[in-house]
């Protein structure tokens, strides 16, 4: 699929395997999520625009490249997406952080927005949406819809593991955004959990049940 990157880097795969282990505790799980987000972010941000600026080195003055224009916007889907934010901020500390909160209707299973706060001007920023798990794709599609409705144009989506069903749904709904996936898993089960998956990412990041 065009605009879809599924990572095969050994470090990312090793850390995802540790995430899957049900014996991995909250503290280690949280640290792994951040580390994987940083490794994925390194590749996802390779096309950030640069401009030459004048810098005085200890030897001479030179023109040297720095990230151009309005800085990055990181937009986690609450709440599990929060776990990936610090990993990307470690790469780009000047990035602004927005938030999108979604809840799922118990009858229709469709996501609804309950909170949306985006850095301004959102239309001039590269926006990275984070959610560790891309399962059915419903929340991801809704989040990107909301961002586009608020004027966002340059959007990337990062998930650590994805089901084929969710990846296909997001790509079909938003073929213009670039999607980055740490590992493409086998399928969704009857309860819409990713298999083999890693359980509930939000519960494991925040230590809740």
Protein backbone atom coordinates (compact mmCIF):
# COMPACT_ATOMS: atom_id res chain seq x y z
CA UNK A 1 0.00 0.00 0.00
CA UNK A 2 1.24 3.45 -0.89
CA UNK A 3 2.12 5.71 2.05
CA UNK A 4 2.34 2.74 4.44
CA UNK A 5 5.60 1.87 6.21
CA UNK A 6 5.81 -1.37 8.23
CA UNK A 7 9.09 -1.47 10.12
CA UNK A 8 11.46 -4.43 10.06
CA UNK A 9 14.25 -2.92 12.16
CA UNK A 10 15.63 -5.50 14.63
CA UNK A 11 15.56 -3.07 17.59
CA UNK A 12 11.89 -2.26 17.01
CA UNK A 13 10.95 -5.93 16.59
CA UNK A 14 12.88 -6.94 19.74
CA UNK A 15 11.20 -4.26 21.85
CA UNK A 16 7.73 -5.12 20.50
CA UNK A 17 8.32 -8.75 21.49
CA UNK A 18 9.06 -7.61 25.04
CA UNK A 19 5.84 -5.53 24.98
CA UNK A 20 3.83 -8.62 24.10
CA UNK A 21 5.06 -10.59 27.11
CA UNK A 22 2.29 -10.59 29.72
CA UNK A 23 4.96 -10.64 32.45
CA UNK A 24 6.34 -7.24 31.36
CA UNK A 25 5.35 -4.83 34.14
CA UNK A 26 3.96 -1.30 33.91
CA UNK A 27 7.26 0.55 34.34
CA UNK A 28 9.11 -1.48 31.69
CA UNK A 29 6.10 -1.46 29.36
CA UNK A 30 5.86 2.34 29.54
CA UNK A 31 9.60 2.71 28.85
CA UNK A 32 9.41 0.32 25.88
CA UNK A 33 6.50 2.25 24.35
CA UNK A 34 8.57 5.46 24.53
CA UNK A 35 11.67 3.77 23.07
CA UNK A 36 9.73 2.26 20.16
CA UNK A 37 8.04 5.61 19.45
CA UNK A 38 11.46 7.28 19.33
CA UNK A 39 12.86 4.66 16.94
CA UNK A 40 9.78 4.91 14.70
CA UNK A 41 9.82 8.69 14.89
CA UNK A 42 13.39 8.84 13.65
CA UNK A 43 12.20 7.35 10.34
CA UNK A 44 8.77 9.02 10.25
CA UNK A 45 10.33 12.49 10.53
CA UNK A 46 12.97 12.03 7.82
CA UNK A 47 11.09 14.40 5.48
CA UNK A 48 10.77 17.36 7.84
CA UNK A 49 11.61 20.50 5.83
CA UNK A 50 15.00 22.15 6.40
CA UNK A 51 16.29 25.66 5.88
CA UNK A 52 19.85 26.98 6.07
CA UNK A 53 20.55 29.33 8.97
CA UNK A 54 23.67 31.22 9.89
CA UNK A 55 25.63 29.74 12.82
CA UNK A 56 28.94 30.87 14.25
CA UNK A 57 31.16 27.89 15.05
CA UNK A 58 34.38 28.19 17.09
CA UNK A 59 36.17 28.35 13.71
CA UNK A 60 33.99 30.46 11.42
CA UNK A 61 30.48 31.52 10.48
CA UNK A 62 28.61 29.10 8.23
CA UNK A 63 25.18 28.35 6.80
CA UNK A 64 23.85 25.07 8.19
CA UNK A 65 20.45 23.30 7.99
CA UNK A 66 17.81 23.41 10.74
CA UNK A 67 14.15 22.36 10.76
CA UNK A 68 12.16 24.98 8.90
CA UNK A 69 8.89 26.76 9.53
CA UNK A 70 6.30 25.88 12.14
CA UNK A 71 7.40 22.98 14.25
CA UNK A 72 5.92 19.56 14.65
CA UNK A 73 2.57 18.85 16.30
CA UNK A 74 2.16 15.54 18.15
CA UNK A 75 -1.46 14.55 18.67
CA UNK A 76 -2.02 11.45 20.81
CA UNK A 77 -5.39 9.72 20.78
CA UNK A 78 -6.32 9.57 24.47
CA UNK A 79 -5.39 7.79 26.44
CA UNK A 80 -2.95 5.15 25.18
CA UNK A 81 -1.48 7.51 22.58
CA UNK A 82 -0.01 9.56 25.43
CA UNK A 83 2.52 6.79 26.02
CA UNK A 84 4.24 7.54 22.70
CA UNK A 85 4.54 11.32 23.08
CA UNK A 86 7.73 11.53 25.14
CA UNK A 87 9.59 9.28 22.71
CA UNK A 88 8.92 11.73 19.87
CA UNK A 89 9.55 14.77 22.08
CA UNK A 90 13.00 13.35 22.81
CA UNK A 91 13.71 13.77 19.08
CA UNK A 92 11.99 17.15 18.64
CA UNK A 93 11.73 18.89 22.04
CA UNK A 94 10.19 22.01 20.46
CA UNK A 95 7.16 20.09 19.15
CA UNK A 96 3.72 21.21 20.28
CA UNK A 97 1.33 18.62 21.72
CA UNK A 98 -2.40 18.46 21.08
CA UNK A 99 -4.91 15.89 22.31
CA UNK A 100 -7.90 14.06 20.88
CA UNK A 101 -10.29 12.18 23.15
CA UNK A 102 -12.66 9.62 21.72
CA UNK A 103 -15.29 7.36 23.24
CA UNK A 104 -17.05 4.47 21.57
CA UNK A 105 -20.85 4.30 21.44
CA UNK A 106 -21.86 1.06 23.15
CA UNK A 107 -24.62 0.38 20.63
CA UNK A 108 -23.15 1.49 17.30
CA UNK A 109 -19.48 0.96 18.31
CA UNK A 110 -18.71 4.19 16.43
CA UNK A 111 -16.21 6.65 17.95
CA UNK A 112 -17.30 10.11 19.09
CA UNK A 113 -15.10 13.06 19.99
CA UNK A 114 -15.26 14.28 23.58
CA UNK A 115 -12.11 16.41 23.58
CA UNK A 116 -10.04 18.04 20.86
CA UNK A 117 -7.31 20.62 21.48
CA UNK A 118 -4.83 21.23 18.66
CA UNK A 119 -1.82 23.56 18.45
CA UNK A 120 -2.37 26.66 16.33
CA UNK A 121 -1.90 27.23 13.43
CA UNK A 122 -2.53 23.54 12.80
CA UNK A 123 -2.62 23.95 9.01
CA UNK A 124 1.06 24.96 8.95
CA UNK A 125 2.37 22.03 10.99
CA UNK A 126 3.42 18.47 10.32
CA UNK A 127 1.04 16.49 12.54
CA UNK A 128 1.95 13.11 13.99
CA UNK A 129 -1.05 11.21 15.41
CA UNK A 130 -0.10 8.50 17.90
CA UNK A 131 -1.96 5.42 19.11
CA UNK A 132 -0.05 2.25 20.07
CA UNK A 133 -2.72 -0.02 18.58
CA UNK A 134 -4.51 0.23 15.24
CA UNK A 135 -7.26 -2.37 15.69
CA UNK A 136 -10.56 -1.75 13.85
CA UNK A 137 -9.30 1.61 12.60
CA UNK A 138 -12.44 3.41 13.76
CA UNK A 139 -10.74 5.73 16.24
CA UNK A 140 -7.84 6.41 13.88
CA UNK A 141 -10.17 7.37 11.01
CA UNK A 142 -12.24 9.59 13.32
CA UNK A 143 -9.14 11.30 14.74
CA UNK A 144 -7.78 12.11 11.30
CA UNK A 145 -11.24 13.34 10.25
CA UNK A 146 -11.30 15.74 13.21
CA UNK A 147 -7.80 17.04 12.46
CA UNK A 148 -8.65 17.62 8.80
CA UNK A 149 -11.89 19.37 9.82
CA UNK A 150 -9.79 21.71 11.98
CA UNK A 151 -7.54 22.51 9.02
CA UNK A 152 -4.72 19.96 9.39
CA UNK A 153 -3.15 18.99 6.08
CA UNK A 154 0.19 17.23 6.57
CA UNK A 155 -0.67 14.21 8.74
CA UNK A 156 1.26 11.09 9.73
CA UNK A 157 -0.17 8.25 11.83
CA UNK A 158 2.04 6.08 14.06
CA UNK A 159 0.96 2.83 15.69
CA UNK A 160 3.17 0.20 17.29
CA UNK A 161 1.06 -2.78 16.26
CA UNK A 162 -1.78 -2.94 13.75
CA UNK A 163 -4.35 -5.44 12.53
CA UNK A 164 -4.70 -5.79 8.75
CA UNK A 165 -8.37 -4.78 9.05
CA UNK A 166 -7.56 -1.49 10.79
CA UNK A 167 -4.68 -0.64 8.50
CA UNK A 168 -6.84 -1.22 5.42
CA UNK A 169 -9.69 0.87 6.85
CA UNK A 170 -7.45 3.83 7.73
CA UNK A 171 -5.63 3.70 4.39
CA UNK A 172 -8.90 3.53 2.46
CA UNK A 173 -10.42 6.45 4.38
CA UNK A 174 -7.29 8.61 4.25
CA UNK A 175 -5.01 7.51 1.38
CA UNK A 176 -3.15 10.85 1.54
CA UNK A 177 -1.63 10.36 5.01
CA UNK A 178 1.51 8.33 5.70
CA UNK A 179 0.97 5.45 8.13
CA UNK A 180 3.85 4.00 10.17
CA UNK A 181 3.39 0.58 11.82
CA UNK A 182 5.86 -1.16 14.11
CA UNK A 183 4.47 -4.62 13.37
CA UNK A 184 1.51 -5.89 11.34
CA UNK A 185 -0.24 -8.57 13.37
CA UNK A 186 -2.38 -11.48 12.17
CA UNK A 187 -6.00 -10.40 12.68
CA UNK A 188 -8.72 -9.15 14.99
CA UNK A 189 -10.60 -11.66 17.13
CA UNK A 190 -14.36 -11.65 17.75
CA UNK A 191 -13.92 -9.03 20.49
CA UNK A 192 -11.94 -6.74 18.15
CA UNK A 193 -8.66 -7.40 19.98
CA UNK A 194 -5.49 -7.62 17.90
CA UNK A 195 -4.00 -11.14 17.74
CA UNK A 196 -1.43 -11.97 18.98
CA UNK A 197 -1.41 -8.37 20.18
CA UNK A 198 -0.33 -7.21 23.61
CA UNK A 199 -3.58 -6.79 25.52
CA UNK A 200 -4.96 -3.35 26.37
CA UNK A 201 -2.19 -0.83 25.78
CA UNK A 202 -3.81 1.87 27.91
CA UNK A 203 -4.20 -0.43 30.91
CA UNK A 204 -0.62 -1.67 30.59
CA UNK A 205 0.85 1.83 30.20
CA UNK A 206 -1.03 3.32 33.13
CA UNK A 207 -1.31 0.28 35.38
CA UNK A 208 -5.11 0.11 35.34
CA UNK A 209 -7.53 -2.74 34.71
